[in-house]
Amino acid sequence: MSGPSLFGRPRRYGRGAALTFVFGAVLAAGAATGAWGDRSAPSGSPVRLSADATTVNSAPAKGKALSDALAEKGLGPEDARELVSRSGDRWAAFYTEREFEGFQRTLDGQYVGVGLWVRRMGDGRTEVARVQPGSPAARGGVRVGDRLTRVGGTDVYGRPVTEVVALLRGGEAAAAKPGSTVVLGLERDGRASRVALRRALMAAQDVSVEHLGHDVTRIKVDSFTRGVGRHVREALRGRSHRGVMLDLRGNSGGLVSEANETASAFLDGGLVATYDVDGEQHALFAEAGGDTATPLVVLVDGNTMSAAEMLAGALQDRSRAVVVGSRTFGKGSVQEPRTLPDGSVVERTVGTYRTPSGRTVDAGGVRPDVTVDTAKGSGAAKDQALTVLGGLAPRS
């Protein structure tokens, strides 16, 4: 399942202006259960396409064709759903009014769930990667490392992470309400157990800060919901940093305005990205006054997507950061929603964005400056980032 990638209507962006649209094909599916955390790439993810001009340019054309078809009078929601499925627009999607409302709540940093981050292991198992403190999962005794075997009546072995996330939320419609019950099948130390949890409306924790040795600060950003840029700025204030590790691994995207504010924390103005909407060109600029002196490493992986790719590409192009990890997902297209008379929403592709040097990440992704073998685990990338920071930090 691919989660919503809803975009508000884009407009020309200047310093101080607000930008409301979103780059993020799976933001809602990840963030609404507490996101995914560091995880293996889920099977069932869209296949990476070759980075050729035909692939990059065809999506907006298909999106335009979809928009023209939706303009037909008397089009009902089922007709719209069918049009989306046949459009050939890879990122087109149909959402009910209720799904739209839930996604808007997700962008506000809230979600209905049990407070679990999950990851897909190489053997097809689903493992608990993180438990949100004070969450229903924490109160129910769920621990990091537990194997998640069932959600409700569904065996989750071999299922993509996105599907498991949707089940935790209440199904593909992501329509579960606070107080609804979900029964989880767990396995720990070879012993199977079942736990019934009541979903709750919770605040997402999309920014976490870890102070490592030698005055290095690791800032992990899981997705770009409202307020993330401010939290990143706060993490940089009031403390001496010999180096910063901006961890975007597993970040599925989010609000471009928040990704741009995060870029502004490390840049002193200048171009962050350009993008087009039905052929009309727009640009994103960083605010002046960011920290341009502290050595910076950006961690990425194959699950770094959309707005996170835009941010990583901008910091790389501007020679502000060394990018460490593996090639990112490659989702550089822009979607825009259209509301139908019944309140349902259809999303279509309207263009692509480019990094300051003019690169498109669509299909090709962002290639790291220092590549780390993902088979060595997430700790290897972190260790390599520390090594790079050690070489960048000024000698005392």
Protein backbone atom coordinates (compact mmCIF):
# COMPACT_ATOMS: atom_id res chain seq x y z
CA MET A 1 0.00 0.00 0.00
CA SER A 2 1.19 3.48 -0.75
CA GLY A 3 0.08 6.09 1.75
CA PRO A 4 -1.30 9.51 0.86
CA SER A 5 1.01 12.09 -0.65
CA LEU A 6 -1.40 14.97 -0.45
CA PHE A 7 -0.26 18.37 -1.64
CA GLY A 8 -1.82 21.73 -1.01
CA ARG A 9 -1.79 24.08 -3.94
CA PRO A 10 1.74 25.25 -4.67
CA ARG A 11 2.54 28.89 -5.16
CA ARG A 12 5.63 30.90 -5.93
CA TYR A 13 7.91 30.75 -2.95
CA GLY A 14 10.04 33.60 -1.65
CA ARG A 15 11.74 34.36 1.64
CA GLY A 16 9.18 34.42 4.40
CA ALA A 17 6.35 33.04 2.27
CA ALA A 18 4.47 29.87 3.22
CA LEU A 19 4.57 26.75 1.10
CA THR A 20 1.83 24.24 1.73
CA PHE A 21 2.36 21.36 -0.67
CA VAL A 22 4.05 18.10 0.21
CA PHE A 23 6.64 15.82 -1.36
CA GLY A 24 5.95 12.39 0.17
CA ALA A 25 4.41 9.26 -1.29
CA VAL A 26 4.24 7.29 1.92
CA LEU A 27 4.29 9.91 4.65
CA ALA A 28 0.88 9.13 6.10
CA ALA A 29 1.41 5.38 6.14
CA GLY A 30 4.67 5.79 8.02
CA ALA A 31 4.01 8.71 10.32
CA ALA A 32 0.54 7.76 11.39
CA THR A 33 1.75 4.74 13.38
CA GLY A 34 4.85 6.38 14.71
CA ALA A 35 6.72 6.12 11.38
CA TRP A 36 9.02 3.27 10.46
CA GLY A 37 12.32 4.22 12.03
CA ASP A 38 15.51 2.66 10.61
CA ARG A 39 14.30 -0.31 8.63
CA SER A 40 15.08 -2.54 5.72
CA ALA A 41 13.48 -1.56 2.42
CA PRO A 42 10.05 -3.17 2.41
CA SER A 43 9.32 -5.63 -0.34
CA GLY A 44 6.49 -4.31 -2.43
CA SER A 45 8.00 -0.83 -2.60
CA PRO A 46 7.72 0.67 -6.09
CA VAL A 47 10.52 -0.58 -8.33
CA ARG A 48 13.28 1.99 -8.88
CA LEU A 49 13.05 3.29 -12.44
CA SER A 50 15.98 4.15 -14.66
CA ALA A 51 16.81 7.86 -14.64
CA ASP A 52 16.02 8.77 -18.22
CA ALA A 53 14.27 11.80 -19.65
CA THR A 54 11.27 9.83 -20.87
CA THR A 55 10.55 8.47 -17.40
CA VAL A 56 10.94 11.85 -15.72
CA ASN A 57 8.81 13.82 -18.14
CA SER A 58 5.97 11.35 -18.72
CA ALA A 59 4.49 11.55 -15.22
CA PRO A 60 3.36 15.20 -15.43
CA ALA A 61 1.84 14.50 -18.86
CA LYS A 62 -0.15 11.61 -17.45
CA GLY A 63 -1.17 13.81 -14.53
CA LYS A 64 -2.45 16.44 -16.95
CA ALA A 65 -4.47 13.80 -18.80
CA LEU A 66 -5.96 12.66 -15.50
CA SER A 67 -6.87 16.25 -14.61
CA ASP A 68 -8.62 16.72 -17.97
CA ALA A 69 -10.61 13.51 -17.40
CA LEU A 70 -11.63 14.62 -13.91
CA ALA A 71 -13.04 17.86 -15.35
CA GLU A 72 -15.89 15.88 -16.89
CA LYS A 73 -19.21 16.87 -15.31
CA GLY A 74 -21.11 14.35 -13.24
CA LEU A 75 -18.04 12.30 -12.36
CA GLY A 76 -18.69 10.31 -9.17
CA PRO A 77 -16.14 9.00 -6.65
CA GLU A 78 -16.12 5.45 -8.03
CA ASP A 79 -15.51 6.81 -11.52
CA ALA A 80 -12.68 8.94 -10.15
CA ARG A 81 -11.15 5.95 -8.39
CA GLU A 82 -11.27 3.99 -11.64
CA LEU A 83 -9.68 6.86 -13.57
CA VAL A 84 -6.81 7.00 -11.08
CA SER A 85 -6.18 3.26 -11.36
CA ARG A 86 -6.02 3.47 -15.16
CA SER A 87 -4.18 6.79 -15.47
CA GLY A 88 -0.64 5.45 -15.69
CA ASP A 89 0.38 8.20 -13.24
CA ARG A 90 2.59 6.29 -10.82
CA TRP A 91 1.85 8.57 -7.88
CA ALA A 92 -1.82 9.34 -8.57
CA ALA A 93 -4.15 8.38 -5.73
CA PHE A 94 -7.78 8.58 -4.63
CA TYR A 95 -8.78 9.37 -1.02
CA THR A 96 -12.12 9.58 0.69
CA GLU A 97 -12.97 12.71 2.63
CA ARG A 98 -12.24 10.86 5.88
CA GLU A 99 -8.84 9.72 4.66
CA PHE A 100 -8.07 13.30 3.67
CA GLU A 101 -8.94 14.53 7.16
CA GLY A 102 -6.75 11.86 8.71
CA PHE A 103 -3.84 12.84 6.53
CA GLN A 104 -4.19 16.49 7.44
CA ARG A 105 -4.02 15.44 11.08
CA THR A 106 -0.87 13.47 10.31
CA LEU A 107 0.76 16.58 8.87
CA ASP A 108 -0.08 18.36 12.12
CA GLY A 109 2.10 15.80 13.90
CA GLN A 110 -0.74 13.68 15.29
CA TYR A 111 -1.78 10.12 14.57
CA VAL A 112 -4.18 7.45 15.73
CA GLY A 113 -2.20 4.34 16.57
CA VAL A 114 -0.51 2.34 19.29
CA GLY A 115 2.97 3.93 19.26
CA LEU A 116 5.02 1.35 17.38
CA TRP A 117 7.82 1.71 14.87
CA VAL A 118 8.32 -1.48 12.87
CA ARG A 119 10.90 -2.72 10.38
CA ARG A 120 11.05 -5.55 7.90
CA MET A 121 13.86 -8.02 8.49
CA GLY A 122 15.73 -9.81 5.72
CA ASP A 123 13.99 -13.13 6.41
CA GLY A 124 10.51 -11.62 6.01
CA ARG A 125 9.83 -11.09 9.72
CA THR A 126 8.45 -7.83 11.07
CA GLU A 127 10.23 -6.57 14.17
CA VAL A 128 9.42 -3.80 16.64
CA ALA A 129 12.09 -1.14 16.12
CA ARG A 130 10.89 1.43 18.63
CA VAL A 131 8.14 1.91 21.21
CA GLN A 132 6.91 5.41 21.97
CA PRO A 133 7.09 6.13 25.71
CA GLY A 134 3.68 6.38 27.36
CA SER A 135 1.94 4.86 24.33
CA PRO A 136 -0.61 2.02 24.39
CA ALA A 137 2.14 -0.30 23.15
CA ALA A 138 4.46 0.72 25.99
CA ARG A 139 1.72 0.27 28.59
CA GLY A 140 0.92 -3.13 27.07
CA GLY A 141 4.48 -4.35 27.57
CA VAL A 142 5.61 -4.37 23.94
CA ARG A 143 9.40 -4.13 23.68
CA VAL A 144 11.97 -3.28 21.04
CA GLY A 145 13.06 -6.50 19.33
CA ASP A 146 9.72 -8.26 19.73
CA ARG A 147 8.63 -10.06 16.59
CA LEU A 148 5.23 -8.89 15.36
CA THR A 149 3.47 -11.95 13.93
CA ARG A 150 -0.16 -10.87 13.57
CA VAL A 151 -2.21 -7.68 13.55
CA GLY A 152 -5.83 -8.54 14.24
CA GLY A 153 -6.55 -11.64 12.21
CA THR A 154 -3.82 -11.02 9.63
CA ASP A 155 -0.48 -12.85 9.51
CA VAL A 156 2.11 -10.18 8.72
CA TYR A 157 4.99 -12.48 7.77
CA GLY A 158 6.45 -11.35 4.45
CA ARG A 159 4.16 -8.34 4.14
CA PRO A 160 5.55 -4.92 3.17
CA VAL A 161 6.05 -2.55 6.08
CA THR A 162 3.49 -0.17 4.61
CA GLU A 163 0.79 -2.85 4.81
CA VAL A 164 1.69 -3.68 8.40
CA VAL A 165 1.49 0.00 9.27
CA ALA A 166 -1.93 0.27 7.63
CA LEU A 167 -3.18 -2.72 9.64
CA LEU A 168 -1.95 -1.15 12.87
CA ARG A 169 -3.96 1.96 11.97
CA GLY A 170 -7.11 0.00 11.23
CA GLY A 171 -6.87 -1.10 7.61
CA GLU A 172 -5.97 0.40 4.28
CA ALA A 173 -8.47 3.21 4.76
CA ALA A 174 -6.57 4.26 7.89
CA ALA A 175 -9.94 5.04 9.44
CA ALA A 176 -9.57 3.66 12.97
CA LYS A 177 -10.76 5.91 15.77
CA PRO A 178 -9.17 6.54 19.18
CA GLY A 179 -10.35 3.84 21.56
CA SER A 180 -10.68 1.15 18.89
CA THR A 181 -8.98 -2.14 19.80
CA VAL A 182 -6.31 -4.04 17.90
CA VAL A 183 -4.94 -7.42 18.99
CA LEU A 184 -1.25 -8.01 18.25
CA GLY A 185 0.45 -11.37 17.98
CA LEU A 186 3.99 -11.17 19.37
CA GLU A 187 6.93 -13.48 19.80
CA ARG A 188 9.75 -12.96 22.28
CA ASP A 189 12.54 -15.45 23.05
CA GLY A 190 10.63 -18.15 21.20
CA ARG A 191 7.43 -17.60 23.22
CA ALA A 192 4.23 -16.46 21.52
CA SER A 193 1.79 -14.07 23.15
CA ARG A 194 -1.19 -11.86 22.32
CA VAL A 195 -1.85 -8.34 23.57
CA ALA A 196 -4.96 -6.21 23.06
CA LEU A 197 -4.24 -2.50 22.71
CA ARG A 198 -6.56 0.48 22.41
CA ARG A 199 -5.52 2.98 19.77
CA ALA A 200 -5.07 6.56 20.91
CA LEU A 201 -4.64 10.00 19.37
CA MET A 202 -0.97 10.70 19.93
CA ALA A 203 1.62 13.32 19.15
CA ALA A 204 4.23 12.12 16.69
CA GLN A 205 7.87 12.40 17.72
CA ASP A 206 9.45 13.17 14.38
CA VAL A 207 12.64 14.78 15.72
CA SER A 208 14.93 13.09 18.22
CA VAL A 209 18.27 14.41 19.44
CA GLU A 210 21.21 12.36 20.68
CA HIS A 211 24.40 13.88 22.04
CA LEU A 212 27.30 11.62 21.11
CA GLY A 213 30.86 11.78 22.31
CA HIS A 214 33.32 14.48 21.24
CA ASP A 215 30.53 17.12 21.08
CA VAL A 216 28.81 15.51 18.11
CA THR A 217 25.02 15.88 17.94
CA ARG A 218 22.82 13.45 16.01
CA ILE A 219 19.46 14.89 14.89
CA LYS A 220 17.10 12.19 13.58
CA VAL A 221 14.16 13.42 11.49
CA ASP A 222 11.55 10.76 10.70
CA SER A 223 9.25 12.93 8.57
CA PHE A 224 8.59 16.60 7.88
CA THR A 225 5.40 17.34 9.80
CA ARG A 226 4.54 20.80 11.11
CA GLY A 227 7.07 22.16 13.58
CA VAL A 228 9.97 19.91 12.55
CA GLY A 229 12.08 22.77 11.17
CA ARG A 230 11.70 24.68 14.45
CA HIS A 231 12.70 21.61 16.46
CA VAL A 232 15.84 21.17 14.35
CA ARG A 233 16.78 24.80 14.92
CA GLU A 234 16.23 24.37 18.68
CA ALA A 235 18.51 21.33 18.70
CA LEU A 236 21.32 23.48 17.30
CA ARG A 237 20.97 26.27 19.87
CA GLY A 238 22.64 26.62 23.26
CA ARG A 239 25.24 23.89 22.81
CA SER A 240 28.73 23.63 21.38
CA HIS A 241 28.82 21.32 18.35
CA ARG A 242 32.05 20.01 16.84
CA GLY A 243 29.88 18.19 14.36
CA VAL A 244 26.24 17.50 13.48
CA MET A 245 24.82 14.29 12.05
CA LEU A 246 21.47 14.93 10.33
CA ASP A 247 19.91 11.48 10.05
CA LEU A 248 17.31 11.25 7.26
CA ARG A 249 17.31 7.46 6.94
CA GLY A 250 13.79 6.13 6.63
CA ASN A 251 12.37 9.65 6.22
CA SER A 252 9.44 9.27 3.84
CA GLY A 253 8.92 12.98 3.11
CA GLY A 254 6.40 15.53 4.30
CA LEU A 255 5.82 19.24 4.17
CA VAL A 256 8.24 21.02 1.86
CA SER A 257 8.00 24.16 4.00
CA GLU A 258 9.42 22.18 6.95
CA ALA A 259 12.19 20.61 4.85
CA ASN A 260 13.05 24.09 3.58
CA GLU A 261 13.16 25.48 7.14
CA THR A 262 15.47 22.62 8.08
CA ALA A 263 17.72 23.56 5.16
CA SER A 264 17.64 27.15 6.42
CA ALA A 265 19.09 25.98 9.74
CA PHE A 266 22.31 25.07 7.90
CA LEU A 267 22.44 27.65 5.09
CA ASP A 268 22.76 31.40 4.87
CA GLY A 269 20.11 32.02 2.25
CA GLY A 270 20.34 30.88 -1.35
CA LEU A 271 18.59 28.34 -3.55
CA VAL A 272 17.28 25.08 -2.08
CA ALA A 273 15.33 23.68 -5.05
CA THR A 274 13.40 24.54 -8.17
CA TYR A 275 10.16 22.88 -9.23
CA ASP A 276 7.59 23.15 -11.97
CA VAL A 277 3.81 22.91 -11.85
CA ASP A 278 2.27 22.24 -15.25
CA GLY A 279 5.30 23.89 -16.85
CA GLU A 280 5.38 27.01 -14.64
CA GLN A 281 8.71 27.35 -12.83
CA HIS A 282 9.02 28.07 -9.10
CA ALA A 283 11.89 28.22 -6.63
CA LEU A 284 12.56 27.57 -2.94
CA PHE A 285 15.05 29.73 -1.03
CA ALA A 286 16.60 29.27 2.39
CA GLU A 287 16.32 32.00 4.99
CA ALA A 288 19.48 33.89 5.90
CA GLY A 289 21.39 33.31 9.12
CA GLY A 290 21.77 29.53 9.34
CA ASP A 291 24.79 27.73 10.82
CA THR A 292 27.25 27.41 7.96
CA ALA A 293 30.34 26.65 10.05
CA THR A 294 29.65 23.45 12.01
CA PRO A 295 30.77 20.31 10.13
CA LEU A 296 27.67 18.48 8.87
CA VAL A 297 27.05 14.93 7.67
CA VAL A 298 23.68 13.83 6.27
CA LEU A 299 22.78 10.14 6.61
CA VAL A 300 20.52 8.67 3.90
CA ASP A 301 19.34 5.26 2.71
CA GLY A 302 17.00 3.66 0.18
CA ASN A 303 13.99 4.73 2.26
CA THR A 304 14.94 8.42 2.24
CA MET A 305 12.25 9.91 0.04
CA SER A 306 10.79 13.06 -1.47
CA ALA A 307 11.25 16.18 0.72
CA ALA A 308 14.09 14.39 2.52
CA GLU A 309 15.81 13.78 -0.82
CA MET A 310 15.29 17.43 -1.74
CA LEU A 311 16.97 18.48 1.51
CA ALA A 312 19.88 16.05 1.17
CA GLY A 313 20.43 17.06 -2.45
CA ALA A 314 20.38 20.76 -1.60
CA LEU A 315 22.93 20.45 1.20
CA GLN A 316 25.11 18.29 -1.05
CA ASP A 317 24.93 20.66 -4.03
CA ARG A 318 25.63 23.68 -1.86
CA SER A 319 28.75 21.91 -0.49
CA ARG A 320 27.32 22.31 3.00
CA ALA A 321 27.29 18.63 3.94
CA VAL A 322 28.89 15.30 3.18
CA VAL A 323 26.16 12.76 2.36
CA VAL A 324 26.83 9.29 3.78
CA GLY A 325 24.90 6.04 3.29
CA SER A 326 23.22 4.45 0.28
CA ARG A 327 21.37 5.85 -2.73
CA THR A 328 17.99 7.35 -1.82
CA PHE A 329 14.61 6.16 -3.09
CA GLY A 330 14.22 8.48 -6.08
CA LYS A 331 10.89 10.26 -5.71
CA GLY A 332 11.23 13.75 -7.16
CA SER A 333 7.79 14.39 -8.61
CA VAL A 334 5.27 16.94 -7.37
CA GLN A 335 1.64 16.04 -6.72
CA GLU A 336 -1.38 18.32 -6.36
CA PRO A 337 -4.86 17.41 -5.06
CA ARG A 338 -8.25 18.08 -6.55
CA THR A 339 -11.35 17.97 -4.34
CA LEU A 340 -14.44 16.37 -5.87
CA PRO A 341 -18.02 17.52 -5.07
CA ASP A 342 -18.51 14.74 -2.49
CA GLY A 343 -15.36 15.80 -0.57
CA SER A 344 -13.14 12.99 -1.84
CA VAL A 345 -9.73 13.93 -3.23
CA VAL A 346 -7.79 12.87 -6.30
CA GLU A 347 -4.10 13.55 -6.46
CA ARG A 348 -2.19 13.87 -9.72
CA THR A 349 1.42 14.48 -10.72
CA VAL A 350 2.00 18.03 -11.92
CA GLY A 351 5.77 18.32 -12.24
CA THR A 352 9.23 17.53 -10.89
CA TYR A 353 11.72 19.33 -8.67
CA ARG A 354 15.46 19.80 -9.08
CA THR A 355 18.35 20.42 -6.71
CA PRO A 356 20.32 23.70 -6.89
CA SER A 357 22.69 22.25 -9.52
CA GLY A 358 19.74 21.26 -11.71
CA ARG A 359 19.70 17.54 -10.86
CA THR A 360 16.42 15.66 -10.71
CA VAL A 361 16.24 12.91 -8.12
CA ASP A 362 13.21 11.27 -9.74
CA ALA A 363 14.08 7.60 -10.31
CA GLY A 364 17.84 8.12 -9.81
CA GLY A 365 17.78 9.32 -6.21
CA VAL A 366 20.59 11.14 -4.41
CA ARG A 367 23.92 9.34 -4.59
CA PRO A 368 25.93 9.67 -1.37
CA ASP A 369 29.43 11.12 -1.32
CA VAL A 370 30.48 8.19 0.89
CA THR A 371 28.71 4.89 0.24
CA VAL A 372 28.09 2.43 3.06
CA ASP A 373 27.05 -1.17 2.50
CA THR A 374 23.53 -1.50 3.94
CA ALA A 375 24.17 -5.18 4.66
CA LYS A 376 26.49 -4.08 7.47
CA GLY A 377 23.54 -2.59 9.38
CA SER A 378 22.57 0.92 10.40
CA GLY A 379 25.46 1.17 12.87
CA ALA A 380 28.01 1.03 10.06
CA ALA A 381 26.63 4.22 8.47
CA LYS A 382 26.66 5.99 11.83
CA ASP A 383 30.27 4.92 12.44
CA GLN A 384 31.29 6.12 8.99
CA ALA A 385 29.55 9.45 9.61
CA LEU A 386 31.54 9.88 12.84
CA THR A 387 34.75 9.15 10.92
CA VAL A 388 33.88 11.76 8.29
CA LEU A 389 33.01 14.33 10.97
CA GLY A 390 36.34 13.61 12.66
CA GLY A 391 38.10 14.59 9.46
CA LEU A 392 36.00 17.72 8.99
CA ALA A 393 36.14 19.05 12.55
CA PRO A 394 38.69 21.81 13.25
CA ARG A 395 41.69 20.79 15.29
CA SER A 396 41.68 22.12 18.86
